[in-house]
Amino acid sequence: MLFQGCTSISQPTASRPLVEHEYVIAAPAESDLMQRQLSRNESGSKISVNKESGTIGAQFFAATGATCRKVYFTTSGQTVFCRNELKQWYRVKSVISVYAENSRGGAQ
């Protein structure tokens, strides 16, 4: 019996987004306060915006190539925010973000 293998394989890196930006629905930018909260705080940070408190999740890259992060609000639940080409954070419609979670079998 003969076995062969590789000891070092370079990890593939995406050279372009999986989804074209034409499919992203434009949304208004968040307030200046929320912009600062999303940009400056680390994952696990507690925030308070418009009398609502929450916890910021880690940044991740969406299939569109956008940088996004979740915020878990105490009263309204999970909300996803992404950055547009102008580096402004905007709220992602919940139908899209909940569908993405459910399609992977994750919790809402």
N, C-alpha and C. Protein backbone atom coordinates (compact mmCIF):
# COMPACT_ATOMS: atom_id res chain seq x y z
N MET A 1 0.83 -1.17 0.00
CA MET A 1 0.00 0.00 0.00
C MET A 1 0.89 1.24 0.00
N LEU A 2 0.48 2.23 -0.78
CA LEU A 2 1.26 3.46 -0.91
C LEU A 2 0.39 4.63 -0.48
N PHE A 3 0.91 5.46 0.40
CA PHE A 3 0.20 6.66 0.87
C PHE A 3 1.00 7.89 0.48
N GLN A 4 0.31 8.88 -0.04
CA GLN A 4 0.96 10.14 -0.37
C GLN A 4 0.15 11.27 0.26
N GLY A 5 0.80 12.34 0.55
CA GLY A 5 0.12 13.48 1.13
C GLY A 5 0.97 14.73 1.05
N CYS A 6 0.36 15.82 1.36
CA CYS A 6 1.05 17.11 1.37
C CYS A 6 1.13 17.59 2.80
N THR A 7 2.22 18.21 3.12
CA THR A 7 2.37 18.73 4.47
C THR A 7 1.99 20.19 4.58
N SER A 8 2.04 20.91 3.48
CA SER A 8 1.66 22.33 3.55
C SER A 8 0.87 22.71 2.30
N ILE A 9 -0.35 23.09 2.54
CA ILE A 9 -1.22 23.54 1.45
C ILE A 9 -1.63 24.97 1.76
N SER A 10 -1.45 25.84 0.80
CA SER A 10 -1.86 27.23 1.03
C SER A 10 -3.38 27.32 0.99
N GLN A 11 -3.93 28.11 1.90
CA GLN A 11 -5.37 28.29 2.00
C GLN A 11 -5.86 29.14 0.84
N PRO A 12 -6.89 28.70 0.12
CA PRO A 12 -7.40 29.53 -0.98
C PRO A 12 -8.01 30.83 -0.46
N THR A 13 -7.85 31.88 -1.23
CA THR A 13 -8.39 33.18 -0.88
C THR A 13 -9.29 33.67 -2.01
N ALA A 14 -10.48 34.13 -1.66
CA ALA A 14 -11.41 34.62 -2.68
C ALA A 14 -10.86 35.88 -3.32
N SER A 15 -10.91 35.93 -4.63
CA SER A 15 -10.41 37.11 -5.33
C SER A 15 -11.53 38.07 -5.72
N ARG A 16 -12.80 37.63 -5.54
CA ARG A 16 -13.94 38.49 -5.82
C ARG A 16 -15.12 38.05 -4.97
N PRO A 17 -16.08 38.95 -4.75
CA PRO A 17 -17.25 38.60 -3.94
C PRO A 17 -18.06 37.48 -4.58
N LEU A 18 -18.75 36.70 -3.78
CA LEU A 18 -19.60 35.63 -4.28
C LEU A 18 -20.90 36.15 -4.88
N VAL A 19 -21.32 37.34 -4.48
CA VAL A 19 -22.55 37.94 -4.95
C VAL A 19 -22.24 39.32 -5.48
N GLU A 20 -22.80 39.66 -6.62
CA GLU A 20 -22.59 40.98 -7.19
C GLU A 20 -23.32 42.03 -6.36
N HIS A 21 -22.76 43.23 -6.29
CA HIS A 21 -23.33 44.30 -5.47
C HIS A 21 -24.67 44.82 -5.98
N GLU A 22 -25.04 44.52 -7.22
CA GLU A 22 -26.33 44.98 -7.73
C GLU A 22 -27.49 44.43 -6.91
N TYR A 23 -27.26 43.32 -6.24
CA TYR A 23 -28.33 42.67 -5.49
C TYR A 23 -28.50 43.22 -4.09
N VAL A 24 -27.61 44.07 -3.66
CA VAL A 24 -27.68 44.64 -2.33
C VAL A 24 -28.63 45.84 -2.37
N ILE A 25 -29.64 45.81 -1.52
CA ILE A 25 -30.62 46.89 -1.48
C ILE A 25 -30.02 48.05 -0.67
N ALA A 26 -30.02 49.23 -1.27
CA ALA A 26 -29.46 50.39 -0.58
C ALA A 26 -30.27 50.71 0.66
N ALA A 27 -29.59 51.01 1.73
CA ALA A 27 -30.25 51.37 2.99
C ALA A 27 -29.59 52.63 3.53
N PRO A 28 -30.33 53.43 4.28
CA PRO A 28 -29.73 54.65 4.83
C PRO A 28 -28.66 54.32 5.88
N ALA A 29 -27.68 55.18 5.96
CA ALA A 29 -26.61 55.00 6.94
C ALA A 29 -27.16 55.20 8.35
N GLU A 30 -26.57 54.52 9.30
CA GLU A 30 -26.95 54.65 10.70
C GLU A 30 -26.50 56.01 11.25
N SER A 31 -26.98 56.34 12.44
CA SER A 31 -26.61 57.61 13.09
C SER A 31 -25.11 57.66 13.36
N ASP A 32 -24.60 58.87 13.59
CA ASP A 32 -23.18 59.03 13.90
C ASP A 32 -22.79 58.23 15.13
N LEU A 33 -23.65 58.23 16.15
CA LEU A 33 -23.37 57.47 17.37
C LEU A 33 -23.23 55.99 17.06
N MET A 34 -24.16 55.44 16.29
CA MET A 34 -24.10 54.01 15.95
C MET A 34 -22.89 53.71 15.07
N GLN A 35 -22.55 54.64 14.17
CA GLN A 35 -21.35 54.47 13.33
C GLN A 35 -20.11 54.29 14.22
N ARG A 36 -19.99 55.15 15.23
CA ARG A 36 -18.84 55.07 16.14
C ARG A 36 -18.86 53.77 16.94
N GLN A 37 -20.03 53.39 17.43
CA GLN A 37 -20.15 52.18 18.24
C GLN A 37 -19.71 50.95 17.43
N LEU A 38 -20.19 50.85 16.20
CA LEU A 38 -19.87 49.70 15.37
C LEU A 38 -18.42 49.68 14.91
N SER A 39 -17.85 50.85 14.69
CA SER A 39 -16.47 50.94 14.18
C SER A 39 -15.42 50.76 15.27
N ARG A 40 -15.68 51.26 16.46
CA ARG A 40 -14.64 51.32 17.48
C ARG A 40 -14.68 50.21 18.52
N ASN A 41 -15.83 49.63 18.76
CA ASN A 41 -15.95 48.66 19.84
C ASN A 41 -15.57 47.25 19.40
N GLU A 42 -14.99 46.52 20.33
CA GLU A 42 -14.61 45.13 20.08
C GLU A 42 -15.80 44.21 20.30
N SER A 43 -15.68 43.01 19.79
CA SER A 43 -16.71 42.00 20.00
C SER A 43 -16.92 41.77 21.49
N GLY A 44 -18.18 41.71 21.90
CA GLY A 44 -18.52 41.52 23.31
C GLY A 44 -18.74 42.82 24.06
N SER A 45 -18.47 43.95 23.40
CA SER A 45 -18.68 45.26 24.05
C SER A 45 -20.16 45.54 24.23
N LYS A 46 -20.49 46.13 25.36
CA LYS A 46 -21.87 46.55 25.64
C LYS A 46 -22.04 47.96 25.10
N ILE A 47 -23.18 48.20 24.42
CA ILE A 47 -23.47 49.52 23.88
C ILE A 47 -24.87 49.95 24.29
N SER A 48 -25.12 51.25 24.18
CA SER A 48 -26.45 51.80 24.42
C SER A 48 -26.72 52.85 23.36
N VAL A 49 -27.78 52.63 22.58
CA VAL A 49 -28.15 53.54 21.50
C VAL A 49 -29.66 53.74 21.54
N ASN A 50 -30.08 55.00 21.57
CA ASN A 50 -31.51 55.32 21.58
C ASN A 50 -32.27 54.56 22.67
N LYS A 51 -31.73 54.57 23.86
CA LYS A 51 -32.35 53.93 25.03
C LYS A 51 -32.46 52.41 24.91
N GLU A 52 -31.70 51.81 24.01
CA GLU A 52 -31.69 50.36 23.87
C GLU A 52 -30.26 49.87 24.05
N SER A 53 -30.10 48.86 24.90
CA SER A 53 -28.76 48.33 25.14
C SER A 53 -28.57 47.04 24.36
N GLY A 54 -27.31 46.75 24.07
CA GLY A 54 -27.01 45.56 23.31
C GLY A 54 -25.55 45.16 23.45
N THR A 55 -25.20 44.08 22.78
CA THR A 55 -23.84 43.56 22.77
C THR A 55 -23.40 43.41 21.31
N ILE A 56 -22.20 43.91 21.01
CA ILE A 56 -21.68 43.86 19.65
C ILE A 56 -21.00 42.51 19.41
N GLY A 57 -21.31 41.92 18.25
CA GLY A 57 -20.67 40.67 17.85
C GLY A 57 -19.42 40.93 17.03
N ALA A 58 -18.75 39.85 16.67
CA ALA A 58 -17.51 39.94 15.89
C ALA A 58 -17.81 40.37 14.46
N GLN A 59 -16.82 41.01 13.82
CA GLN A 59 -16.96 41.36 12.41
C GLN A 59 -16.82 40.11 11.56
N PHE A 60 -17.52 40.09 10.43
CA PHE A 60 -17.41 38.99 9.48
C PHE A 60 -17.60 39.55 8.08
N PHE A 61 -17.26 38.75 7.08
CA PHE A 61 -17.43 39.18 5.69
C PHE A 61 -18.63 38.46 5.10
N ALA A 62 -19.55 39.24 4.52
CA ALA A 62 -20.74 38.69 3.88
C ALA A 62 -20.38 38.20 2.48
N ALA A 63 -21.28 37.44 1.86
CA ALA A 63 -21.05 36.95 0.51
C ALA A 63 -20.90 38.10 -0.49
N THR A 64 -21.43 39.26 -0.15
CA THR A 64 -21.31 40.44 -1.03
C THR A 64 -19.91 41.05 -0.97
N GLY A 65 -19.11 40.61 -0.01
CA GLY A 65 -17.79 41.19 0.18
C GLY A 65 -17.78 42.29 1.22
N ALA A 66 -18.96 42.64 1.74
CA ALA A 66 -19.07 43.71 2.74
C ALA A 66 -18.63 43.22 4.11
N THR A 67 -18.07 44.12 4.89
CA THR A 67 -17.78 43.84 6.29
C THR A 67 -19.06 44.04 7.09
N CYS A 68 -19.41 43.08 7.92
CA CYS A 68 -20.65 43.14 8.68
C CYS A 68 -20.37 42.76 10.12
N ARG A 69 -21.35 43.04 10.98
CA ARG A 69 -21.31 42.56 12.36
C ARG A 69 -22.71 42.55 12.92
N LYS A 70 -22.93 41.64 13.85
CA LYS A 70 -24.23 41.51 14.51
C LYS A 70 -24.22 42.29 15.81
N VAL A 71 -25.38 42.80 16.15
CA VAL A 71 -25.59 43.41 17.46
C VAL A 71 -26.79 42.70 18.06
N TYR A 72 -26.63 42.23 19.28
CA TYR A 72 -27.70 41.53 19.99
C TYR A 72 -28.34 42.51 20.96
N PHE A 73 -29.47 43.11 20.55
CA PHE A 73 -30.17 44.08 21.38
C PHE A 73 -31.04 43.36 22.41
N THR A 74 -31.10 43.92 23.61
CA THR A 74 -31.85 43.31 24.71
C THR A 74 -33.33 43.17 24.38
N THR A 75 -33.94 44.19 23.79
CA THR A 75 -35.38 44.15 23.56
C THR A 75 -35.78 43.69 22.16
N SER A 76 -35.03 44.06 21.14
CA SER A 76 -35.44 43.73 19.77
C SER A 76 -34.71 42.55 19.15
N GLY A 77 -33.74 41.99 19.85
CA GLY A 77 -33.04 40.81 19.33
C GLY A 77 -31.87 41.15 18.44
N GLN A 78 -31.48 40.18 17.61
CA GLN A 78 -30.31 40.32 16.74
C GLN A 78 -30.57 41.21 15.54
N THR A 79 -29.62 42.08 15.27
CA THR A 79 -29.66 42.94 14.08
C THR A 79 -28.29 42.85 13.41
N VAL A 80 -28.28 42.80 12.09
CA VAL A 80 -27.03 42.76 11.34
C VAL A 80 -26.80 44.12 10.69
N PHE A 81 -25.57 44.61 10.81
CA PHE A 81 -25.15 45.87 10.19
C PHE A 81 -23.98 45.57 9.26
N CYS A 82 -23.95 46.22 8.10
CA CYS A 82 -22.84 46.06 7.16
C CYS A 82 -22.34 47.44 6.74
N ARG A 83 -21.12 47.46 6.18
CA ARG A 83 -20.53 48.71 5.71
C ARG A 83 -20.67 48.81 4.21
N ASN A 84 -21.05 50.00 3.73
CA ASN A 84 -21.15 50.22 2.29
C ASN A 84 -19.79 50.69 1.74
N GLU A 85 -19.78 51.03 0.47
CA GLU A 85 -18.52 51.45 -0.18
C GLU A 85 -17.95 52.73 0.42
N LEU A 86 -18.80 53.53 1.07
CA LEU A 86 -18.35 54.77 1.72
C LEU A 86 -17.92 54.53 3.16
N LYS A 87 -17.84 53.26 3.57
CA LYS A 87 -17.44 52.85 4.92
C LYS A 87 -18.47 53.27 5.97
N GLN A 88 -19.73 53.44 5.56
CA GLN A 88 -20.81 53.77 6.48
C GLN A 88 -21.58 52.50 6.83
N TRP A 89 -21.90 52.35 8.09
CA TRP A 89 -22.67 51.20 8.54
C TRP A 89 -24.15 51.41 8.23
N TYR A 90 -24.82 50.36 7.77
CA TYR A 90 -26.26 50.39 7.54
C TYR A 90 -26.88 49.10 8.06
N ARG A 91 -28.14 49.17 8.39
CA ARG A 91 -28.88 48.03 8.93
C ARG A 91 -29.32 47.13 7.78
N VAL A 92 -29.08 45.83 7.92
CA VAL A 92 -29.50 44.86 6.92
C VAL A 92 -30.91 44.40 7.24
N LYS A 93 -31.75 44.32 6.22
CA LYS A 93 -33.13 43.88 6.44
C LYS A 93 -33.14 42.51 7.09
N SER A 94 -34.01 42.35 8.08
CA SER A 94 -34.02 41.12 8.89
C SER A 94 -34.39 39.88 8.08
N VAL A 95 -35.17 40.02 7.03
CA VAL A 95 -35.54 38.85 6.23
C VAL A 95 -34.29 38.20 5.66
N ILE A 96 -33.36 39.01 5.17
CA ILE A 96 -32.14 38.49 4.59
C ILE A 96 -31.26 37.86 5.66
N SER A 97 -31.05 38.54 6.76
CA SER A 97 -30.14 38.02 7.78
C SER A 97 -30.70 36.79 8.48
N VAL A 98 -32.00 36.75 8.75
CA VAL A 98 -32.60 35.58 9.39
C VAL A 98 -32.57 34.39 8.45
N TYR A 99 -32.83 34.62 7.16
CA TYR A 99 -32.77 33.52 6.20
C TYR A 99 -31.37 32.92 6.16
N ALA A 100 -30.36 33.77 6.18
CA ALA A 100 -28.98 33.28 6.13
C ALA A 100 -28.69 32.41 7.36
N GLU A 101 -29.12 32.82 8.52
CA GLU A 101 -28.92 32.03 9.74
C GLU A 101 -29.65 30.70 9.66
N ASN A 102 -30.90 30.74 9.22
CA ASN A 102 -31.71 29.52 9.17
C ASN A 102 -31.20 28.54 8.12
N SER A 103 -30.66 29.03 7.02
CA SER A 103 -30.19 28.14 5.96
C SER A 103 -28.96 27.36 6.38
N ARG A 104 -28.23 27.87 7.39
CA ARG A 104 -27.06 27.16 7.91
C ARG A 104 -27.43 26.33 9.12
N GLY A 105 -28.69 26.40 9.53
CA GLY A 105 -29.11 25.62 10.69
C GLY A 105 -28.79 26.28 12.00
N GLY A 106 -28.41 27.57 11.98
CA GLY A 106 -28.07 28.28 13.21
C GLY A 106 -29.28 28.87 13.90
N ALA A 107 -29.06 29.37 15.07
CA ALA A 107 -30.13 30.00 15.82
C ALA A 107 -30.33 31.43 15.33
N GLN A 108 -31.52 31.96 15.55
CA GLN A 108 -31.81 33.32 15.13
C GLN A 108 -31.26 34.33 16.07
